[in-house]
PDB file of N, CA and C in Angstrom:
ATOM      1  N   MET A   1       0.832  -1.204   0.000  1.00  0.00           N
ATOM      2  CA  MET A   1       0.000   0.000   0.000  1.00  0.00           C
ATOM      3  C   MET A   1       0.865   1.252   0.000  1.00  0.00           C
ATOM      4  N   MET A   2       1.943   1.287   0.770  1.00  0.00           N
ATOM      5  CA  MET A   2       2.737   2.495   0.921  1.00  0.00           C
ATOM      6  C   MET A   2       4.108   2.352   0.256  1.00  0.00           C
ATOM      7  N   PRO A   3       4.712   3.493  -0.045  1.00  0.00           N
ATOM      8  CA  PRO A   3       6.056   3.452  -0.615  1.00  0.00           C
ATOM      9  C   PRO A   3       7.145   3.255   0.441  1.00  0.00           C
ATOM     10  N   PHE A   4       6.766   3.016   1.685  1.00  0.00           N
ATOM     11  CA  PHE A   4       7.741   2.863   2.757  1.00  0.00           C
ATOM     12  C   PHE A   4       7.871   1.396   3.154  1.00  0.00           C
ATOM     13  N   ALA A   5       9.099   0.930   3.290  1.00  0.00           N
ATOM     14  CA  ALA A   5       9.335  -0.428   3.795  1.00  0.00           C
ATOM     15  C   ALA A   5       9.328  -0.413   5.318  1.00  0.00           C
ATOM     16  N   LYS A   6       9.755   0.698   5.899  1.00  0.00           N
ATOM     17  CA  LYS A   6       9.816   0.872   7.354  1.00  0.00           C
ATOM     18  C   LYS A   6       9.186   2.213   7.713  1.00  0.00           C
ATOM     19  N   CYS A   7       8.872   2.396   8.976  1.00  0.00           N
ATOM     20  CA  CYS A   7       8.288   3.649   9.448  1.00  0.00           C
ATOM     21  C   CYS A   7       9.240   4.807   9.176  1.00  0.00           C
ATOM     22  N   PRO A   8       8.766   5.886   8.538  1.00  0.00           N
ATOM     23  CA  PRO A   8       9.630   7.039   8.269  1.00  0.00           C
ATOM     24  C   PRO A   8       9.976   7.831   9.531  1.00  0.00           C
ATOM     25  N   VAL A   9       9.268   7.595  10.628  1.00  0.00           N
ATOM     26  CA  VAL A   9       9.518   8.325  11.874  1.00  0.00           C
ATOM     27  C   VAL A   9      10.589   7.622  12.710  1.00  0.00           C
ATOM     28  N   CYS A  10      10.415   6.295  12.907  1.00  0.00           N
ATOM     29  CA  CYS A  10      11.320   5.591  13.827  1.00  0.00           C
ATOM     30  C   CYS A  10      12.021   4.385  13.216  1.00  0.00           C
ATOM     31  N   GLY A  11      11.653   4.011  11.991  1.00  0.00           N
ATOM     32  CA  GLY A  11      12.256   2.837  11.361  1.00  0.00           C
ATOM     33  C   GLY A  11      11.599   1.525  11.753  1.00  0.00           C
ATOM     34  N   GLY A  12      10.496   1.591  12.493  1.00  0.00           N
ATOM     35  CA  GLY A  12       9.802   0.387  12.949  1.00  0.00           C
ATOM     36  C   GLY A  12       9.074  -0.338  11.832  1.00  0.00           C
ATOM     37  N   GLU A  13       8.588  -1.520  12.152  1.00  0.00           N
ATOM     38  CA  GLU A  13       7.873  -2.357  11.210  1.00  0.00           C
ATOM     39  C   GLU A  13       6.448  -1.850  11.022  1.00  0.00           C
ATOM     40  N   LEU A  14       5.982  -1.849   9.761  1.00  0.00           N
ATOM     41  CA  LEU A  14       4.636  -1.392   9.426  1.00  0.00           C
ATOM     42  C   LEU A  14       3.712  -2.575   9.167  1.00  0.00           C
ATOM     43  N   HIS A  15       2.460  -2.453   9.617  1.00  0.00           N
ATOM     44  CA  HIS A  15       1.445  -3.474   9.363  1.00  0.00           C
ATOM     45  C   HIS A  15       0.157  -2.810   8.914  1.00  0.00           C
ATOM     46  N   ASP A  16      -0.534  -3.461   7.965  1.00  0.00           N
ATOM     47  CA  ASP A  16      -1.842  -2.980   7.512  1.00  0.00           C
ATOM     48  C   ASP A  16      -2.863  -3.193   8.616  1.00  0.00           C
ATOM     49  N   LYS A  17      -3.645  -2.137   8.900  1.00  0.00           N
ATOM     50  CA  LYS A  17      -4.681  -2.223   9.925  1.00  0.00           C
ATOM     51  C   LYS A  17      -5.858  -1.348   9.539  1.00  0.00           C
ATOM     52  N   GLN A  18      -7.006  -1.623  10.126  1.00  0.00           N
ATOM     53  CA  GLN A  18      -8.158  -0.736  10.083  1.00  0.00           C
ATOM     54  C   GLN A  18      -8.069   0.115  11.338  1.00  0.00           C
ATOM     55  N   VAL A  19      -8.065   1.441  11.166  1.00  0.00           N
ATOM     56  CA  VAL A  19      -7.962   2.352  12.307  1.00  0.00           C
ATOM     57  C   VAL A  19      -9.150   3.301  12.307  1.00  0.00           C
ATOM     58  N   GLU A  20      -9.429   3.881  13.463  1.00  0.00           N
ATOM     59  CA  GLU A  20     -10.481   4.888  13.564  1.00  0.00           C
ATOM     60  C   GLU A  20      -9.855   6.256  13.334  1.00  0.00           C
ATOM     61  N   LYS A  21     -10.452   7.032  12.452  1.00  0.00           N
ATOM     62  CA  LYS A  21      -9.949   8.359  12.105  1.00  0.00           C
ATOM     63  C   LYS A  21     -11.052   9.377  12.357  1.00  0.00           C
ATOM     64  N   THR A  22     -10.698  10.493  12.975  1.00  0.00           N
ATOM     65  CA  THR A  22     -11.631  11.585  13.223  1.00  0.00           C
ATOM     66  C   THR A  22     -11.187  12.794  12.412  1.00  0.00           C
ATOM     67  N   LEU A  23     -12.108  13.367  11.664  1.00  0.00           N
ATOM     68  CA  LEU A  23     -11.846  14.574  10.882  1.00  0.00           C
ATOM     69  C   LEU A  23     -12.761  15.676  11.379  1.00  0.00           C
ATOM     70  N   ARG A  24     -12.257  16.912  11.371  1.00  0.00           N
ATOM     71  CA  ARG A  24     -13.044  18.062  11.809  1.00  0.00           C
ATOM     72  C   ARG A  24     -13.037  19.135  10.722  1.00  0.00           C
ATOM     73  N   GLY A  25     -14.157  19.832  10.633  1.00  0.00           N
ATOM     74  CA  GLY A  25     -14.248  20.935   9.690  1.00  0.00           C
ATOM     75  C   GLY A  25     -15.517  21.718   9.940  1.00  0.00           C
ATOM     76  N   GLY A  26     -15.425  23.041   9.978  1.00  0.00           N
ATOM     77  CA  GLY A  26     -16.601  23.893  10.149  1.00  0.00           C
ATOM     78  C   GLY A  26     -17.373  23.626  11.422  1.00  0.00           C
ATOM     79  N   GLY A  27     -16.703  23.203  12.473  1.00  0.00           N
ATOM     80  CA  GLY A  27     -17.373  22.924  13.731  1.00  0.00           C
ATOM     81  C   GLY A  27     -18.037  21.553  13.780  1.00  0.00           C
ATOM     82  N   HIS A  28     -17.851  20.754  12.741  1.00  0.00           N
ATOM     83  CA  HIS A  28     -18.441  19.421  12.663  1.00  0.00           C
ATOM     84  C   HIS A  28     -17.344  18.367  12.734  1.00  0.00           C
ATOM     85  N   THR A  29     -17.737  17.139  13.081  1.00  0.00           N
ATOM     86  CA  THR A  29     -16.789  16.046  13.236  1.00  0.00           C
ATOM     87  C   THR A  29     -17.321  14.803  12.533  1.00  0.00           C
ATOM     88  N   VAL A  30     -16.424  14.075  11.866  1.00  0.00           N
ATOM     89  CA  VAL A  30     -16.754  12.791  11.253  1.00  0.00           C
ATOM     90  C   VAL A  30     -15.779  11.757  11.799  1.00  0.00           C
ATOM     91  N   THR A  31     -16.304  10.605  12.193  1.00  0.00           N
ATOM     92  CA  THR A  31     -15.477   9.495  12.633  1.00  0.00           C
ATOM     93  C   THR A  31     -15.717   8.335  11.687  1.00  0.00           C
ATOM     94  N   MET A  32     -14.635   7.657  11.279  1.00  0.00           N
ATOM     95  CA  MET A  32     -14.742   6.548  10.332  1.00  0.00           C
ATOM     96  C   MET A  32     -13.632   5.543  10.564  1.00  0.00           C
ATOM     97  N   LYS A  33     -13.794   4.364  10.015  1.00  0.00           N
ATOM     98  CA  LYS A  33     -12.724   3.379   9.998  1.00  0.00           C
ATOM     99  C   LYS A  33     -12.076   3.445   8.639  1.00  0.00           C
ATOM    100  N   VAL A  34     -10.748   3.341   8.608  1.00  0.00           N
ATOM    101  CA  VAL A  34     -10.016   3.495   7.359  1.00  0.00           C
ATOM    102  C   VAL A  34      -8.781   2.596   7.381  1.00  0.00           C
ATOM    103  N   ALA A  35      -8.363   2.156   6.203  1.00  0.00           N
ATOM    104  CA  ALA A  35      -7.161   1.349   6.069  1.00  0.00           C
ATOM    105  C   ALA A  35      -5.922   2.242   6.211  1.00  0.00           C
ATOM    106  N   ALA A  36      -4.949   1.757   6.965  1.00  0.00           N
ATOM    107  CA  ALA A  36      -3.693   2.494   7.152  1.00  0.00           C
ATOM    108  C   ALA A  36      -2.581   1.490   7.413  1.00  0.00           C
ATOM    109  N   GLU A  37      -1.368   1.932   7.194  1.00  0.00           N
ATOM    110  CA  GLU A  37      -0.220   1.164   7.662  1.00  0.00           C
ATOM    111  C   GLU A  37       0.173   1.796   8.984  1.00  0.00           C
ATOM    112  N   VAL A  38       0.321   0.978  10.013  1.00  0.00           N
ATOM    113  CA  VAL A  38       0.593   1.471  11.353  1.00  0.00           C
ATOM    114  C   VAL A  38       1.916   0.894  11.835  1.00  0.00           C
ATOM    115  N   CYS A  39       2.765   1.768  12.388  1.00  0.00           N
ATOM    116  CA  CYS A  39       4.045   1.335  12.923  1.00  0.00           C
ATOM    117  C   CYS A  39       3.817   0.597  14.241  1.00  0.00           C
ATOM    118  N   LEU A  40       4.384  -0.589  14.344  1.00  0.00           N
ATOM    119  CA  LEU A  40       4.235  -1.374  15.561  1.00  0.00           C
ATOM    120  C   LEU A  40       5.060  -0.811  16.717  1.00  0.00           C
ATOM    121  N   HIS A  41       6.034   0.046  16.405  1.00  0.00           N
ATOM    122  CA  HIS A  41       6.887   0.609  17.459  1.00  0.00           C
ATOM    123  C   HIS A  41       6.336   1.934  18.006  1.00  0.00           C
ATOM    124  N   CYS A  42       6.084   2.900  17.117  1.00  0.00           N
ATOM    125  CA  CYS A  42       5.692   4.238  17.587  1.00  0.00           C
ATOM    126  C   CYS A  42       4.225   4.581  17.349  1.00  0.00           C
ATOM    127  N   GLY A  43       3.498   3.763  16.575  1.00  0.00           N
ATOM    128  CA  GLY A  43       2.087   4.017  16.330  1.00  0.00           C
ATOM    129  C   GLY A  43       1.789   4.968  15.185  1.00  0.00           C
ATOM    130  N   GLU A  44       2.818   5.466  14.505  1.00  0.00           N
ATOM    131  CA  GLU A  44       2.613   6.365  13.364  1.00  0.00           C
ATOM    132  C   GLU A  44       1.682   5.699  12.352  1.00  0.00           C
ATOM    133  N   ARG A  45       0.754   6.484  11.803  1.00  0.00           N
ATOM    134  CA  ARG A  45      -0.181   5.979  10.800  1.00  0.00           C
ATOM    135  C   ARG A  45       0.174   6.563   9.445  1.00  0.00           C
ATOM    136  N   LEU A  46       0.205   5.710   8.436  1.00  0.00           N
ATOM    137  CA  LEU A  46       0.470   6.138   7.068  1.00  0.00           C
ATOM    138  C   LEU A  46      -0.747   5.789   6.222  1.00  0.00           C
ATOM    139  N   TYR A  47      -1.242   6.782   5.480  1.00  0.00           N
ATOM    140  CA  TYR A  47      -2.424   6.612   4.649  1.00  0.00           C
ATOM    141  C   TYR A  47      -2.028   6.729   3.182  1.00  0.00           C
ATOM    142  N   SER A  48      -2.744   6.002   2.316  1.00  0.00           N
ATOM    143  CA  SER A  48      -2.489   6.097   0.882  1.00  0.00           C
ATOM    144  C   SER A  48      -2.916   7.478   0.376  1.00  0.00           C
ATOM    145  N   GLU A  49      -2.418   7.836  -0.793  1.00  0.00           N
ATOM    146  CA  GLU A  49      -2.738   9.156  -1.369  1.00  0.00           C
ATOM    147  C   GLU A  49      -4.234   9.316  -1.603  1.00  0.00           C
ATOM    148  N   ASP A  50      -4.902   8.261  -2.083  1.00  0.00           N
ATOM    149  CA  ASP A  50      -6.341   8.391  -2.352  1.00  0.00           C
ATOM    150  C   ASP A  50      -7.132   8.564  -1.058  1.00  0.00           C
ATOM    151  N   VAL A  51      -6.673   7.967   0.040  1.00  0.00           N
ATOM    152  CA  VAL A  51      -7.340   8.146   1.330  1.00  0.00           C
ATOM    153  C   VAL A  51      -7.142   9.578   1.822  1.00  0.00           C
ATOM    154  N   VAL A  52      -5.949  10.119   1.666  1.00  0.00           N
ATOM    155  CA  VAL A  52      -5.679  11.502   2.083  1.00  0.00           C
ATOM    156  C   VAL A  52      -6.535  12.472   1.267  1.00  0.00           C
ATOM    157  N   ARG A  53      -6.682  12.213  -0.023  1.00  0.00           N
ATOM    158  CA  ARG A  53      -7.554  13.063  -0.854  1.00  0.00           C
ATOM    159  C   ARG A  53      -9.005  12.989  -0.372  1.00  0.00           C
ATOM    160  N   ALA A  54      -9.443  11.793   0.014  1.00  0.00           N
ATOM    161  CA  ALA A  54     -10.804  11.643   0.546  1.00  0.00           C
ATOM    162  C   ALA A  54     -10.956  12.422   1.848  1.00  0.00           C
ATOM    163  N   PHE A  55      -9.916  12.415   2.715  1.00  0.00           N
ATOM    164  CA  PHE A  55      -9.952  13.206   3.952  1.00  0.00           C
ATOM    165  C   PHE A  55     -10.169  14.680   3.622  1.00  0.00           C
ATOM    166  N   GLU A  56      -9.431  15.189   2.635  1.00  0.00           N
ATOM    167  CA  GLU A  56      -9.554  16.596   2.243  1.00  0.00           C
ATOM    168  C   GLU A  56     -10.958  16.900   1.718  1.00  0.00           C
ATOM    169  N   GLU A  57     -11.514  15.970   0.937  1.00  0.00           N
ATOM    170  CA  GLU A  57     -12.866  16.158   0.409  1.00  0.00           C
ATOM    171  C   GLU A  57     -13.895  16.181   1.547  1.00  0.00           C
ATOM    172  N   ILE A  58     -13.755  15.284   2.510  1.00  0.00           N
ATOM    173  CA  ILE A  58     -14.688  15.230   3.636  1.00  0.00           C
ATOM    174  C   ILE A  58     -14.587  16.498   4.478  1.00  0.00           C
ATOM    175  N   ARG A  59     -13.368  16.966   4.745  1.00  0.00           N
ATOM    176  CA  ARG A  59     -13.203  18.229   5.502  1.00  0.00           C
ATOM    177  C   ARG A  59     -13.864  19.388   4.764  1.00  0.00           C
ATOM    178  N   GLY A  60     -13.691  19.432   3.450  1.00  0.00           N
ATOM    179  CA  GLY A  60     -14.324  20.477   2.649  1.00  0.00           C
ATOM    180  C   GLY A  60     -15.834  20.416   2.736  1.00  0.00           C
ATOM    181  N   GLN A  61     -16.394  19.199   2.690  1.00  0.00           N
ATOM    182  CA  GLN A  61     -17.849  19.040   2.828  1.00  0.00           C
ATOM    183  C   GLN A  61     -18.313  19.535   4.195  1.00  0.00           C
ATOM    184  N   LEU A  62     -17.576  19.209   5.233  1.00  0.00           N
ATOM    185  CA  LEU A  62     -17.952  19.648   6.580  1.00  0.00           C
ATOM    186  C   LEU A  62     -17.956  21.168   6.679  1.00  0.00           C
ATOM    187  N   GLN A  63     -16.924  21.807   6.124  1.00  0.00           N
ATOM    188  CA  GLN A  63     -16.839  23.264   6.189  1.00  0.00           C
ATOM    189  C   GLN A  63     -17.979  23.930   5.423  1.00  0.00           C
ATOM    190  N   LYS A  64     -18.416  23.295   4.324  1.00  0.00           N
ATOM    191  CA  LYS A  64     -19.520  23.842   3.523  1.00  0.00           C
ATOM    192  C   LYS A  64     -20.885  23.375   4.021  1.00  0.00           C
ATOM    193  N   GLN A  65     -20.888  22.556   5.067  1.00  0.00           N
ATOM    194  CA  GLN A  65     -22.105  21.975   5.624  1.00  0.00           C
ATOM    195  C   GLN A  65     -22.868  21.169   4.576  1.00  0.00           C
ATOM    196  N   GLU A  66     -22.110  20.438   3.759  1.00  0.00           N
ATOM    197  CA  GLU A  66     -22.683  19.508   2.781  1.00  0.00           C
ATOM    198  C   GLU A  66     -22.560  18.112   3.378  1.00  0.00           C
ATOM    199  N   PHE A  67     -23.670  17.539   3.792  1.00  0.00           N
ATOM    200  CA  PHE A  67     -23.627  16.296   4.555  1.00  0.00           C
ATOM    201  C   PHE A  67     -24.064  15.070   3.750  1.00  0.00           C
ATOM    202  N   SER A  68     -24.040  15.166   2.416  1.00  0.00           N
ATOM    203  CA  SER A  68     -24.372  13.979   1.629  1.00  0.00           C
ATOM    204  C   SER A  68     -23.311  12.911   1.909  1.00  0.00           C
ATOM    205  N   HIS A  69     -23.725  11.689   1.925  1.00  0.00           N
ATOM    206  CA  HIS A  69     -22.868  10.529   2.219  1.00  0.00           C
ATOM    207  C   HIS A  69     -22.406  10.494   3.671  1.00  0.00           C
ATOM    208  N   LEU A  70     -22.998  11.318   4.528  1.00  0.00           N
ATOM    209  CA  LEU A  70     -22.685  11.303   5.958  1.00  0.00           C
ATOM    210  C   LEU A  70     -23.980  11.062   6.717  1.00  0.00           C
ATOM    211  N   ARG A  71     -23.904  10.346   7.826  1.00  0.00           N
ATOM    212  CA  ARG A  71     -25.101  10.137   8.640  1.00  0.00           C
ATOM    213  C   ARG A  71     -24.808  10.571  10.066  1.00  0.00           C
ATOM    214  N   THR A  72     -25.851  10.987  10.749  1.00  0.00           N
ATOM    215  CA  THR A  72     -25.745  11.444  12.131  1.00  0.00           C
ATOM    216  C   THR A  72     -25.378  10.275  13.023  1.00  0.00           C
ATOM    217  N   LEU A  73     -24.442  10.517  13.926  1.00  0.00           N
ATOM    218  CA  LEU A  73     -23.991   9.490  14.866  1.00  0.00           C
ATOM    219  C   LEU A  73     -23.853  10.135  16.231  1.00  0.00           C
ATOM    220  N   GLY A  74     -24.890  10.042  17.054  1.00  0.00           N
ATOM    221  CA  GLY A  74     -24.832  10.591  18.411  1.00  0.00           C
ATOM    222  C   GLY A  74     -24.822  12.111  18.428  1.00  0.00           C
ATOM    223  N   GLN A  75     -24.290  12.655  19.527  1.00  0.00           N
ATOM    224  CA  GLN A  75     -24.190  14.097  19.710  1.00  0.00           C
ATOM    225  C   GLN A  75     -22.809  14.420  20.250  1.00  0.00           C
ATOM    226  N   SER A  76     -22.386  15.649  20.070  1.00  0.00           N
ATOM    227  CA  SER A  76     -21.118  16.122  20.622  1.00  0.00           C
ATOM    228  C   SER A  76     -21.401  17.199  21.660  1.00  0.00           C
ATOM    229  N   PHE A  77     -20.546  17.273  22.662  1.00  0.00           N
ATOM    230  CA  PHE A  77     -20.711  18.252  23.730  1.00  0.00           C
ATOM    231  C   PHE A  77     -19.373  18.890  24.072  1.00  0.00           C
ATOM    232  N   THR A  78     -19.443  20.047  24.703  1.00  0.00           N
ATOM    233  CA  THR A  78     -18.286  20.668  25.326  1.00  0.00           C
ATOM    234  C   THR A  78     -18.758  21.236  26.663  1.00  0.00           C
ATOM    235  N   VAL A  79     -17.816  21.567  27.520  1.00  0.00           N
ATOM    236  CA  VAL A  79     -18.177  22.108  28.836  1.00  0.00           C
ATOM    237  C   VAL A  79     -18.635  23.557  28.691  1.00  0.00           C
ATOM    238  N   GLU A  80     -19.408  24.045  29.639  1.00  0.00           N
ATOM    239  CA  GLU A  80     -19.820  25.451  29.672  1.00  0.00           C
ATOM    240  C   GLU A  80     -18.642  26.314  30.116  1.00  0.00           C
ATOM    241  N   ARG A  81     -18.703  27.605  29.785  1.00  0.00           N
ATOM    242  CA  ARG A  81     -17.619  28.532  30.160  1.00  0.00           C
ATOM    243  C   ARG A  81     -17.455  28.659  31.678  1.00  0.00           C
ATOM    244  N   ASP A  82     -18.537  28.413  32.409  1.00  0.00           N
ATOM    245  CA  ASP A  82     -18.462  28.555  33.864  1.00  0.00           C
ATOM    246  C   ASP A  82     -18.110  27.232  34.567  1.00  0.00           C
ATOM    247  N   TRP A  83     -17.459  26.306  33.848  1.00  0.00           N
ATOM    248  CA  TRP A  83     -17.033  25.042  34.458  1.00  0.00           C
ATOM    249  C   TRP A  83     -16.171  25.358  35.678  1.00  0.00           C
ATOM    250  N   PRO A  84     -16.384  24.684  36.821  1.00  0.00           N
ATOM    251  CA  PRO A  84     -15.698  25.031  38.070  1.00  0.00           C
ATOM    252  C   PRO A  84     -14.166  25.001  37.995  1.00  0.00           C
ATOM    253  N   ASN A  85     -13.597  24.069  37.281  1.00  0.00           N
ATOM    254  CA  ASN A  85     -12.140  23.977  37.164  1.00  0.00           C
ATOM    255  C   ASN A  85     -11.710  24.818  35.961  1.00  0.00           C
ATOM    256  N   LYS A  86     -11.056  25.947  36.191  1.00  0.00           N
ATOM    257  CA  LYS A  86     -10.697  26.879  35.114  1.00  0.00           C
ATOM    258  C   LYS A  86      -9.612  26.349  34.187  1.00  0.00           C
ATOM    259  N   ALA A  87      -8.969  25.239  34.557  1.00  0.00           N
ATOM    260  CA  ALA A  87      -7.997  24.602  33.668  1.00  0.00           C
ATOM    261  C   ALA A  87      -8.708  23.909  32.498  1.00  0.00           C
ATOM    262  N   ILE A  88     -10.018  23.691  32.639  1.00  0.00           N
ATOM    263  CA  ILE A  88     -10.828  23.042  31.604  1.00  0.00           C
ATOM    264  C   ILE A  88     -11.680  24.109  30.950  1.00  0.00           C
ATOM    265  N   GLN A  89     -11.531  24.274  29.636  1.00  0.00           N
ATOM    266  CA  GLN A  89     -12.232  25.308  28.882  1.00  0.00           C
ATOM    267  C   GLN A  89     -13.029  24.677  27.752  1.00  0.00           C
ATOM    268  N   PRO A  90     -14.077  25.360  27.273  1.00  0.00           N
ATOM    269  CA  PRO A  90     -14.855  24.839  26.136  1.00  0.00           C
ATOM    270  C   PRO A  90     -13.999  24.719  24.887  1.00  0.00           C
ATOM    271  N   ALA A  91     -14.328  23.736  24.057  1.00  0.00           N
ATOM    272  CA  ALA A  91     -13.592  23.537  22.812  1.00  0.00           C
ATOM    273  C   ALA A  91     -13.970  24.573  21.761  1.00  0.00           C
ATOM    274  N   ALA A  92     -15.168  25.094  21.830  1.00  0.00           N
ATOM    275  CA  ALA A  92     -15.588  26.066  20.811  1.00  0.00           C
ATOM    276  C   ALA A  92     -16.307  27.222  21.462  1.00  0.00           C
TER     277      ALA A  92
END
């Protein structure tokens, strides 16, 4: 799948896996499973060029609020601004 025989970060061994990927755009989030090569040593994920192009297309759809080919999955939340521990702040 990839042009790398070893991990470009640490030189570790790569294995094909299905991984969970989260993409964000325009205040929206998409979670999906995707094929990647994953380093067994450091966990680095390598994606094929066509998968990376699909990521860019999905982010663009999210920013434009075009949700074709996407389905609702649960809800997302963030803490309120008045959360008691000031080290924790809202994400948006």
